[in-house]
């Protein structure tokens, strides 16, 4: 297991908790929490060691498009970069869902 941490300067605070995905083979879960900080912190727990640069590239691409401010926890079980980006985008849809 590898623990990775990233932080991003962001400008759009979220106002509710979000949970998408599931920890399972080839998948991951993403938890978003509102924060009072002026940046986003991302903590990744992954079973696939040695992919820190890939994680950073996917997350940077995401935050360039969606500069949300939150505390984010990602629990990964071997998801591909495409699945990671898909789940992050799914979290954005949940944020904008008016129920």
PDB file of N, CA and C in Angstrom:
ATOM      1  N   UNK A   1       0.840  -1.176   0.000  1.00  0.00           N
ATOM      2  CA  UNK A   1       0.000   0.000   0.000  1.00  0.00           C
ATOM      3  C   UNK A   1       0.885   1.238   0.000  1.00  0.00           C
ATOM      4  N   UNK A   2       0.496   2.177  -0.828  1.00  0.00           N
ATOM      5  CA  UNK A   2       1.218   3.441  -0.886  1.00  0.00           C
ATOM      6  C   UNK A   2       0.261   4.572  -0.513  1.00  0.00           C
ATOM      7  N   UNK A   3       0.767   5.514   0.270  1.00  0.00           N
ATOM      8  CA  UNK A   3       0.006   6.691   0.677  1.00  0.00           C
ATOM      9  C   UNK A   3       0.603   7.894  -0.043  1.00  0.00           C
ATOM     10  N   UNK A   4      -0.227   8.609  -0.794  1.00  0.00           N
ATOM     11  CA  UNK A   4       0.227   9.779  -1.535  1.00  0.00           C
ATOM     12  C   UNK A   4      -0.558  10.999  -1.064  1.00  0.00           C
ATOM     13  N   UNK A   5       0.078  12.155  -1.051  1.00  0.00           N
ATOM     14  CA  UNK A   5      -0.589  13.398  -0.657  1.00  0.00           C
ATOM     15  C   UNK A   5      -0.262  14.489  -1.662  1.00  0.00           C
ATOM     16  N   UNK A   6      -1.289  15.255  -2.005  1.00  0.00           N
ATOM     17  CA  UNK A   6      -1.145  16.355  -2.950  1.00  0.00           C
ATOM     18  C   UNK A   6      -1.947  17.543  -2.432  1.00  0.00           C
ATOM     19  N   UNK A   7      -1.573  18.740  -2.861  1.00  0.00           N
ATOM     20  CA  UNK A   7      -2.382  19.913  -2.551  1.00  0.00           C
ATOM     21  C   UNK A   7      -2.427  20.802  -3.790  1.00  0.00           C
ATOM     22  N   UNK A   8      -3.571  21.483  -3.946  1.00  0.00           N
ATOM     23  CA  UNK A   8      -3.808  22.323  -5.112  1.00  0.00           C
ATOM     24  C   UNK A   8      -4.436  23.635  -4.675  1.00  0.00           C
ATOM     25  N   UNK A   9      -3.967  24.737  -5.257  1.00  0.00           N
ATOM     26  CA  UNK A   9      -4.597  26.039  -5.047  1.00  0.00           C
ATOM     27  C   UNK A   9      -5.911  26.020  -5.821  1.00  0.00           C
ATOM     28  N   UNK A  10      -7.007  26.257  -5.116  1.00  0.00           N
ATOM     29  CA  UNK A  10      -8.327  26.193  -5.739  1.00  0.00           C
ATOM     30  C   UNK A  10      -9.171  27.380  -5.291  1.00  0.00           C
ATOM     31  N   UNK A  11     -10.311  27.572  -5.953  1.00  0.00           N
ATOM     32  CA  UNK A  11     -11.092  28.781  -5.711  1.00  0.00           C
ATOM     33  C   UNK A  11     -12.576  28.565  -5.459  1.00  0.00           C
ATOM     34  N   UNK A  12     -13.077  27.333  -5.557  1.00  0.00           N
ATOM     35  CA  UNK A  12     -14.517  27.099  -5.459  1.00  0.00           C
ATOM     36  C   UNK A  12     -14.842  26.093  -4.353  1.00  0.00           C
ATOM     37  N   UNK A  13     -15.124  26.584  -3.145  1.00  0.00           N
ATOM     38  CA  UNK A  13     -15.434  25.672  -2.038  1.00  0.00           C
ATOM     39  C   UNK A  13     -16.702  24.855  -2.307  1.00  0.00           C
ATOM     40  N   UNK A  14     -16.686  23.613  -1.872  1.00  0.00           N
ATOM     41  CA  UNK A  14     -17.894  22.792  -1.960  1.00  0.00           C
ATOM     42  C   UNK A  14     -18.683  22.978  -0.663  1.00  0.00           C
ATOM     43  N   UNK A  15     -19.980  22.633  -0.706  1.00  0.00           N
ATOM     44  CA  UNK A  15     -20.816  22.857   0.469  1.00  0.00           C
ATOM     45  C   UNK A  15     -21.464  21.598   1.030  1.00  0.00           C
ATOM     46  N   UNK A  16     -21.095  20.430   0.466  1.00  0.00           N
ATOM     47  CA  UNK A  16     -21.651  19.182   1.004  1.00  0.00           C
ATOM     48  C   UNK A  16     -20.669  18.043   0.793  1.00  0.00           C
ATOM     49  N   UNK A  17     -20.863  16.979   1.588  1.00  0.00           N
ATOM     50  CA  UNK A  17     -20.027  15.784   1.454  1.00  0.00           C
ATOM     51  C   UNK A  17     -20.497  14.977   0.244  1.00  0.00           C
ATOM     52  N   UNK A  18     -19.536  14.348  -0.422  1.00  0.00           N
ATOM     53  CA  UNK A  18     -19.830  13.518  -1.592  1.00  0.00           C
ATOM     54  C   UNK A  18     -19.074  12.202  -1.457  1.00  0.00           C
ATOM     55  N   UNK A  19     -19.737  11.099  -1.834  1.00  0.00           N
ATOM     56  CA  UNK A  19     -19.103   9.781  -1.862  1.00  0.00           C
ATOM     57  C   UNK A  19     -19.496   9.111  -3.172  1.00  0.00           C
ATOM     58  N   UNK A  20     -18.500   8.750  -3.983  1.00  0.00           N
ATOM     59  CA  UNK A  20     -18.762   8.025  -5.225  1.00  0.00           C
ATOM     60  C   UNK A  20     -17.809   6.843  -5.323  1.00  0.00           C
ATOM     61  N   UNK A  21     -18.256   5.801  -6.014  1.00  0.00           N
ATOM     62  CA  UNK A  21     -17.429   4.630  -6.259  1.00  0.00           C
ATOM     63  C   UNK A  21     -17.416   3.669  -5.100  1.00  0.00           C
ATOM     64  N   UNK A  22     -16.636   2.613  -5.299  1.00  0.00           N
ATOM     65  CA  UNK A  22     -16.516   1.556  -4.316  1.00  0.00           C
ATOM     66  C   UNK A  22     -15.099   0.987  -4.401  1.00  0.00           C
ATOM     67  N   UNK A  23     -14.571   0.599  -3.260  1.00  0.00           N
ATOM     68  CA  UNK A  23     -13.242  -0.006  -3.276  1.00  0.00           C
ATOM     69  C   UNK A  23     -13.410  -1.462  -3.699  1.00  0.00           C
ATOM     70  N   UNK A  24     -12.979  -1.760  -4.906  1.00  0.00           N
ATOM     71  CA  UNK A  24     -13.076  -3.106  -5.445  1.00  0.00           C
ATOM     72  C   UNK A  24     -12.092  -3.236  -6.589  1.00  0.00           C
ATOM     73  N   UNK A  25     -11.899  -4.424  -7.056  1.00  0.00           N
ATOM     74  CA  UNK A  25     -10.918  -4.693  -8.096  1.00  0.00           C
ATOM     75  C   UNK A  25     -11.102  -3.774  -9.304  1.00  0.00           C
ATOM     76  N   UNK A  26     -10.067  -3.009  -9.615  1.00  0.00           N
ATOM     77  CA  UNK A  26     -10.085  -2.121 -10.765  1.00  0.00           C
ATOM     78  C   UNK A  26     -10.921  -0.862 -10.555  1.00  0.00           C
ATOM     79  N   UNK A  27     -11.296  -0.572  -9.342  1.00  0.00           N
ATOM     80  CA  UNK A  27     -12.147   0.590  -9.070  1.00  0.00           C
ATOM     81  C   UNK A  27     -11.584   1.377  -7.889  1.00  0.00           C
ATOM     82  N   UNK A  28     -12.289   2.405  -7.474  1.00  0.00           N
ATOM     83  CA  UNK A  28     -11.863   3.213  -6.342  1.00  0.00           C
ATOM     84  C   UNK A  28     -13.054   3.991  -5.815  1.00  0.00           C
ATOM     85  N   UNK A  29     -12.914   4.479  -4.576  1.00  0.00           N
ATOM     86  CA  UNK A  29     -13.929   5.372  -4.024  1.00  0.00           C
ATOM     87  C   UNK A  29     -13.300   6.730  -3.793  1.00  0.00           C
ATOM     88  N   UNK A  30     -14.144   7.745  -3.934  1.00  0.00           N
ATOM     89  CA  UNK A  30     -13.709   9.120  -3.721  1.00  0.00           C
ATOM     90  C   UNK A  30     -14.639   9.760  -2.705  1.00  0.00           C
ATOM     91  N   UNK A  31     -14.046  10.368  -1.684  1.00  0.00           N
ATOM     92  CA  UNK A  31     -14.788  11.063  -0.648  1.00  0.00           C
ATOM     93  C   UNK A  31     -14.374  12.524  -0.673  1.00  0.00           C
ATOM     94  N   UNK A  32     -15.344  13.427  -0.799  1.00  0.00           N
ATOM     95  CA  UNK A  32     -15.094  14.867  -0.790  1.00  0.00           C
ATOM     96  C   UNK A  32     -15.723  15.450   0.465  1.00  0.00           C
ATOM     97  N   UNK A  33     -14.980  16.293   1.150  1.00  0.00           N
ATOM     98  CA  UNK A  33     -15.448  16.939   2.363  1.00  0.00           C
ATOM     99  C   UNK A  33     -15.254  18.449   2.250  1.00  0.00           C
ATOM    100  N   UNK A  34     -16.257  19.233   2.645  1.00  0.00           N
ATOM    101  CA  UNK A  34     -16.057  20.688   2.675  1.00  0.00           C
ATOM    102  C   UNK A  34     -14.910  21.044   3.616  1.00  0.00           C
ATOM    103  N   UNK A  35     -14.255  22.153   3.339  1.00  0.00           N
ATOM    104  CA  UNK A  35     -13.140  22.599   4.166  1.00  0.00           C
ATOM    105  C   UNK A  35     -13.139  24.123   4.246  1.00  0.00           C
ATOM    106  N   UNK A  36     -12.529  24.641   5.282  1.00  0.00           N
ATOM    107  CA  UNK A  36     -12.381  26.087   5.442  1.00  0.00           C
ATOM    108  C   UNK A  36     -11.056  26.579   4.859  1.00  0.00           C
ATOM    109  N   UNK A  37     -10.208  25.653   4.425  1.00  0.00           N
ATOM    110  CA  UNK A  37      -8.906  26.020   3.879  1.00  0.00           C
ATOM    111  C   UNK A  37      -9.053  26.683   2.505  1.00  0.00           C
ATOM    112  N   UNK A  38      -8.002  27.307   2.044  1.00  0.00           N
ATOM    113  CA  UNK A  38      -8.019  27.967   0.740  1.00  0.00           C
ATOM    114  C   UNK A  38      -7.343  27.122  -0.343  1.00  0.00           C
ATOM    115  N   UNK A  39      -7.138  25.861  -0.042  1.00  0.00           N
ATOM    116  CA  UNK A  39      -6.576  24.941  -1.018  1.00  0.00           C
ATOM    117  C   UNK A  39      -7.212  23.568  -0.824  1.00  0.00           C
ATOM    118  N   UNK A  40      -7.048  22.738  -1.827  1.00  0.00           N
ATOM    119  CA  UNK A  40      -7.565  21.378  -1.764  1.00  0.00           C
ATOM    120  C   UNK A  40      -6.448  20.428  -1.387  1.00  0.00           C
ATOM    121  N   UNK A  41      -6.748  19.550  -0.437  1.00  0.00           N
ATOM    122  CA  UNK A  41      -5.798  18.489  -0.095  1.00  0.00           C
ATOM    123  C   UNK A  41      -6.374  17.170  -0.595  1.00  0.00           C
ATOM    124  N   UNK A  42      -5.501  16.357  -1.180  1.00  0.00           N
ATOM    125  CA  UNK A  42      -5.902  15.056  -1.706  1.00  0.00           C
ATOM    126  C   UNK A  42      -5.007  14.008  -1.068  1.00  0.00           C
ATOM    127  N   UNK A  43      -5.630  13.017  -0.435  1.00  0.00           N
ATOM    128  CA  UNK A  43      -4.893  11.889   0.141  1.00  0.00           C
ATOM    129  C   UNK A  43      -5.320  10.635  -0.614  1.00  0.00           C
ATOM    130  N   UNK A  44      -4.354   9.947  -1.193  1.00  0.00           N
ATOM    131  CA  UNK A  44      -4.608   8.744  -1.972  1.00  0.00           C
ATOM    132  C   UNK A  44      -4.003   7.554  -1.244  1.00  0.00           C
ATOM    133  N   UNK A  45      -4.816   6.537  -1.041  1.00  0.00           N
ATOM    134  CA  UNK A  45      -4.344   5.255  -0.520  1.00  0.00           C
ATOM    135  C   UNK A  45      -4.527   4.247  -1.654  1.00  0.00           C
ATOM    136  N   UNK A  46      -3.424   3.709  -2.158  1.00  0.00           N
ATOM    137  CA  UNK A  46      -3.490   2.827  -3.324  1.00  0.00           C
ATOM    138  C   UNK A  46      -2.696   1.546  -3.104  1.00  0.00           C
ATOM    139  N   UNK A  47      -3.197   0.485  -3.670  1.00  0.00           N
ATOM    140  CA  UNK A  47      -2.501  -0.794  -3.626  1.00  0.00           C
ATOM    141  C   UNK A  47      -1.488  -0.939  -4.745  1.00  0.00           C
ATOM    142  N   UNK A  48      -1.437   0.023  -5.641  1.00  0.00           N
ATOM    143  CA  UNK A  48      -0.515  -0.012  -6.777  1.00  0.00           C
ATOM    144  C   UNK A  48       0.621   0.972  -6.528  1.00  0.00           C
ATOM    145  N   UNK A  49       1.749   0.472  -6.105  1.00  0.00           N
ATOM    146  CA  UNK A  49       2.900   1.307  -5.775  1.00  0.00           C
ATOM    147  C   UNK A  49       3.599   1.824  -7.035  1.00  0.00           C
ATOM    148  N   UNK A  50       4.223   3.008  -6.904  1.00  0.00           N
ATOM    149  CA  UNK A  50       5.078   3.531  -7.963  1.00  0.00           C
ATOM    150  C   UNK A  50       4.374   4.357  -9.024  1.00  0.00           C
ATOM    151  N   UNK A  51       3.135   4.764  -8.788  1.00  0.00           N
ATOM    152  CA  UNK A  51       2.396   5.525  -9.792  1.00  0.00           C
ATOM    153  C   UNK A  51       2.132   6.966  -9.364  1.00  0.00           C
ATOM    154  N   UNK A  52       2.964   7.513  -8.501  1.00  0.00           N
ATOM    155  CA  UNK A  52       2.785   8.875  -8.007  1.00  0.00           C
ATOM    156  C   UNK A  52       2.713   9.910  -9.109  1.00  0.00           C
ATOM    157  N   UNK A  53       3.565   9.794 -10.131  1.00  0.00           N
ATOM    158  CA  UNK A  53       3.554  10.757 -11.236  1.00  0.00           C
ATOM    159  C   UNK A  53       2.255  10.679 -12.034  1.00  0.00           C
ATOM    160  N   UNK A  54       1.749   9.469 -12.216  1.00  0.00           N
ATOM    161  CA  UNK A  54       0.489   9.294 -12.940  1.00  0.00           C
ATOM    162  C   UNK A  54      -0.655   9.922 -12.156  1.00  0.00           C
ATOM    163  N   UNK A  55      -0.686   9.661 -10.836  1.00  0.00           N
ATOM    164  CA  UNK A  55      -1.718  10.271  -9.996  1.00  0.00           C
ATOM    165  C   UNK A  55      -1.654  11.787 -10.086  1.00  0.00           C
ATOM    166  N   UNK A  56      -0.461  12.336  -9.987  1.00  0.00           N
ATOM    167  CA  UNK A  56      -0.308  13.789 -10.032  1.00  0.00           C
ATOM    168  C   UNK A  56      -0.800  14.347 -11.366  1.00  0.00           C
ATOM    169  N   UNK A  57      -0.497  13.682 -12.468  1.00  0.00           N
ATOM    170  CA  UNK A  57      -0.945  14.148 -13.778  1.00  0.00           C
ATOM    171  C   UNK A  57      -2.464  14.140 -13.897  1.00  0.00           C
ATOM    172  N   UNK A  58      -3.096  13.062 -13.448  1.00  0.00           N
ATOM    173  CA  UNK A  58      -4.563  12.973 -13.519  1.00  0.00           C
ATOM    174  C   UNK A  58      -5.205  14.034 -12.636  1.00  0.00           C
ATOM    175  N   UNK A  59      -4.700  14.193 -11.418  1.00  0.00           N
ATOM    176  CA  UNK A  59      -5.276  15.174 -10.497  1.00  0.00           C
ATOM    177  C   UNK A  59      -5.061  16.604 -10.984  1.00  0.00           C
ATOM    178  N   UNK A  60      -3.884  16.907 -11.514  1.00  0.00           N
ATOM    179  CA  UNK A  60      -3.622  18.242 -12.043  1.00  0.00           C
ATOM    180  C   UNK A  60      -4.568  18.557 -13.191  1.00  0.00           C
ATOM    181  N   UNK A  61      -4.772  17.604 -14.076  1.00  0.00           N
ATOM    182  CA  UNK A  61      -5.708  17.790 -15.194  1.00  0.00           C
ATOM    183  C   UNK A  61      -7.114  18.062 -14.667  1.00  0.00           C
ATOM    184  N   UNK A  62      -7.524  17.318 -13.650  1.00  0.00           N
ATOM    185  CA  UNK A  62      -8.850  17.497 -13.070  1.00  0.00           C
ATOM    186  C   UNK A  62      -8.991  18.897 -12.448  1.00  0.00           C
ATOM    187  N   UNK A  63      -8.046  19.298 -11.605  1.00  0.00           N
ATOM    188  CA  UNK A  63      -8.150  20.582 -10.916  1.00  0.00           C
ATOM    189  C   UNK A  63      -7.953  21.780 -11.846  1.00  0.00           C
ATOM    190  N   UNK A  64      -7.281  21.595 -12.965  1.00  0.00           N
ATOM    191  CA  UNK A  64      -7.218  22.658 -13.973  1.00  0.00           C
ATOM    192  C   UNK A  64      -8.614  22.929 -14.544  1.00  0.00           C
ATOM    193  N   UNK A  65      -9.412  21.891 -14.624  1.00  0.00           N
ATOM    194  CA  UNK A  65     -10.772  22.024 -15.163  1.00  0.00           C
ATOM    195  C   UNK A  65     -11.802  22.355 -14.085  1.00  0.00           C
ATOM    196  N   UNK A  66     -11.664  21.755 -12.906  1.00  0.00           N
ATOM    197  CA  UNK A  66     -12.615  21.921 -11.802  1.00  0.00           C
ATOM    198  C   UNK A  66     -11.864  22.374 -10.544  1.00  0.00           C
ATOM    199  N   UNK A  67     -11.696  23.669 -10.326  1.00  0.00           N
ATOM    200  CA  UNK A  67     -10.899  24.143  -9.186  1.00  0.00           C
ATOM    201  C   UNK A  67     -11.678  24.141  -7.857  1.00  0.00           C
ATOM    202  N   UNK A  68     -12.266  22.993  -7.510  1.00  0.00           N
ATOM    203  CA  UNK A  68     -13.038  22.909  -6.271  1.00  0.00           C
ATOM    204  C   UNK A  68     -12.111  22.877  -5.060  1.00  0.00           C
ATOM    205  N   UNK A  69     -12.577  23.444  -3.966  1.00  0.00           N
ATOM    206  CA  UNK A  69     -11.819  23.442  -2.718  1.00  0.00           C
ATOM    207  C   UNK A  69     -12.465  22.450  -1.774  1.00  0.00           C
ATOM    208  N   UNK A  70     -11.708  21.435  -1.367  1.00  0.00           N
ATOM    209  CA  UNK A  70     -12.235  20.365  -0.520  1.00  0.00           C
ATOM    210  C   UNK A  70     -11.080  19.579   0.083  1.00  0.00           C
ATOM    211  N   UNK A  71     -11.416  18.763   1.071  1.00  0.00           N
ATOM    212  CA  UNK A  71     -10.503  17.718   1.529  1.00  0.00           C
ATOM    213  C   UNK A  71     -10.976  16.447   0.836  1.00  0.00           C
ATOM    214  N   UNK A  72     -10.074  15.800   0.108  1.00  0.00           N
ATOM    215  CA  UNK A  72     -10.452  14.643  -0.704  1.00  0.00           C
ATOM    216  C   UNK A  72      -9.645  13.427  -0.270  1.00  0.00           C
ATOM    217  N   UNK A  73     -10.362  12.314  -0.125  1.00  0.00           N
ATOM    218  CA  UNK A  73      -9.740  11.026   0.182  1.00  0.00           C
ATOM    219  C   UNK A  73     -10.081  10.088  -0.964  1.00  0.00           C
ATOM    220  N   UNK A  74      -9.061   9.435  -1.520  1.00  0.00           N
ATOM    221  CA  UNK A  74      -9.259   8.468  -2.591  1.00  0.00           C
ATOM    222  C   UNK A  74      -8.681   7.136  -2.121  1.00  0.00           C
ATOM    223  N   UNK A  75      -9.537   6.117  -2.110  1.00  0.00           N
ATOM    224  CA  UNK A  75      -9.115   4.762  -1.763  1.00  0.00           C
ATOM    225  C   UNK A  75      -9.156   3.938  -3.040  1.00  0.00           C
ATOM    226  N   UNK A  76      -7.977   3.564  -3.530  1.00  0.00           N
ATOM    227  CA  UNK A  76      -7.818   2.944  -4.847  1.00  0.00           C
ATOM    228  C   UNK A  76      -7.528   1.452  -4.735  1.00  0.00           C
ATOM    229  N   UNK A  77      -8.122   0.695  -5.650  1.00  0.00           N
ATOM    230  CA  UNK A  77      -7.845  -0.734  -5.733  1.00  0.00           C
ATOM    231  C   UNK A  77      -7.490  -1.089  -7.179  1.00  0.00           C
ATOM    232  N   UNK A  78      -6.494  -0.365  -7.729  1.00  0.00           N
ATOM    233  CA  UNK A  78      -5.981  -0.685  -9.056  1.00  0.00           C
ATOM    234  C   UNK A  78      -6.735  -0.049 -10.208  1.00  0.00           C
ATOM    235  N   UNK A  79      -7.384   1.077  -9.974  1.00  0.00           N
ATOM    236  CA  UNK A  79      -8.114   1.760 -11.048  1.00  0.00           C
ATOM    237  C   UNK A  79      -7.142   2.357 -12.068  1.00  0.00           C
ATOM    238  N   UNK A  80      -7.560   2.356 -13.319  1.00  0.00           N
ATOM    239  CA  UNK A  80      -6.764   2.975 -14.371  1.00  0.00           C
ATOM    240  C   UNK A  80      -6.952   4.493 -14.305  1.00  0.00           C
ATOM    241  N   UNK A  81      -6.062   5.268 -14.932  1.00  0.00           N
ATOM    242  CA  UNK A  81      -6.239   6.723 -14.940  1.00  0.00           C
ATOM    243  C   UNK A  81      -7.602   7.153 -15.496  1.00  0.00           C
ATOM    244  N   UNK A  82      -8.101   6.443 -16.492  1.00  0.00           N
ATOM    245  CA  UNK A  82      -9.413   6.760 -17.051  1.00  0.00           C
ATOM    246  C   UNK A  82     -10.530   6.600 -16.029  1.00  0.00           C
ATOM    247  N   UNK A  83     -10.469   5.549 -15.231  1.00  0.00           N
ATOM    248  CA  UNK A  83     -11.467   5.325 -14.190  1.00  0.00           C
ATOM    249  C   UNK A  83     -11.347   6.387 -13.105  1.00  0.00           C
ATOM    250  N   UNK A  84     -10.126   6.754 -12.756  1.00  0.00           N
ATOM    251  CA  UNK A  84      -9.928   7.803 -11.751  1.00  0.00           C
ATOM    252  C   UNK A  84     -10.601   9.091 -12.215  1.00  0.00           C
ATOM    253  N   UNK A  85     -10.334   9.506 -13.446  1.00  0.00           N
ATOM    254  CA  UNK A  85     -10.917  10.743 -13.959  1.00  0.00           C
ATOM    255  C   UNK A  85     -12.437  10.627 -14.054  1.00  0.00           C
ATOM    256  N   UNK A  86     -12.934   9.464 -14.447  1.00  0.00           N
ATOM    257  CA  UNK A  86     -14.376   9.228 -14.514  1.00  0.00           C
ATOM    258  C   UNK A  86     -15.029   9.400 -13.148  1.00  0.00           C
ATOM    259  N   UNK A  87     -14.439   8.821 -12.114  1.00  0.00           N
ATOM    260  CA  UNK A  87     -14.990   8.938 -10.755  1.00  0.00           C
ATOM    261  C   UNK A  87     -14.923  10.384 -10.261  1.00  0.00           C
ATOM    262  N   UNK A  88     -13.839  11.088 -10.550  1.00  0.00           N
ATOM    263  CA  UNK A  88     -13.753  12.492 -10.159  1.00  0.00           C
ATOM    264  C   UNK A  88     -14.844  13.314 -10.848  1.00  0.00           C
ATOM    265  N   UNK A  89     -15.074  13.045 -12.122  1.00  0.00           N
ATOM    266  CA  UNK A  89     -16.133  13.735 -12.858  1.00  0.00           C
ATOM    267  C   UNK A  89     -17.502  13.366 -12.307  1.00  0.00           C
ATOM    268  N   UNK A  90     -17.670  12.113 -11.926  1.00  0.00           N
ATOM    269  CA  UNK A  90     -18.921  11.673 -11.302  1.00  0.00           C
ATOM    270  C   UNK A  90     -19.156  12.440  -9.996  1.00  0.00           C
ATOM    271  N   UNK A  91     -18.116  12.679  -9.232  1.00  0.00           N
ATOM    272  CA  UNK A  91     -18.242  13.461  -7.994  1.00  0.00           C
ATOM    273  C   UNK A  91     -18.710  14.876  -8.309  1.00  0.00           C
ATOM    274  N   UNK A  92     -18.218  15.458  -9.403  1.00  0.00           N
ATOM    275  CA  UNK A  92     -18.654  16.791  -9.794  1.00  0.00           C
ATOM    276  C   UNK A  92     -20.133  16.799 -10.158  1.00  0.00           C
ATOM    277  N   UNK A  93     -20.597  15.746 -10.810  1.00  0.00           N
ATOM    278  CA  UNK A  93     -22.027  15.645 -11.130  1.00  0.00           C
ATOM    279  C   UNK A  93     -22.861  15.563  -9.861  1.00  0.00           C
ATOM    280  N   UNK A  94     -22.367  14.821  -8.871  1.00  0.00           N
ATOM    281  CA  UNK A  94     -23.080  14.722  -7.592  1.00  0.00           C
ATOM    282  C   UNK A  94     -23.138  16.082  -6.890  1.00  0.00           C
ATOM    283  N   UNK A  95     -22.070  16.859  -6.998  1.00  0.00           N
ATOM    284  CA  UNK A  95     -22.053  18.189  -6.390  1.00  0.00           C
ATOM    285  C   UNK A  95     -23.118  19.103  -6.995  1.00  0.00           C
ATOM    286  N   UNK A  96     -23.330  18.981  -8.280  1.00  0.00           N
ATOM    287  CA  UNK A  96     -24.269  19.879  -8.956  1.00  0.00           C
ATOM    288  C   UNK A  96     -25.689  19.320  -8.996  1.00  0.00           C
ATOM    289  N   UNK A  97     -25.895  18.107  -8.506  1.00  0.00           N
ATOM    290  CA  UNK A  97     -27.216  17.485  -8.523  1.00  0.00           C
ATOM    291  C   UNK A  97     -28.132  18.161  -7.532  1.00  0.00           C
ATOM    292  N   UNK A  98     -29.228  18.694  -8.007  1.00  0.00           N
ATOM    293  CA  UNK A  98     -30.214  19.363  -7.141  1.00  0.00           C
ATOM    294  C   UNK A  98     -31.296  18.362  -6.774  1.00  0.00           C
ATOM    295  N   UNK A  99     -31.223  17.802  -5.579  1.00  0.00           N
ATOM    296  CA  UNK A  99     -32.242  16.849  -5.127  1.00  0.00           C
ATOM    297  C   UNK A  99     -33.120  17.482  -4.100  1.00  0.00           C
TER     298      UNK A  99
END
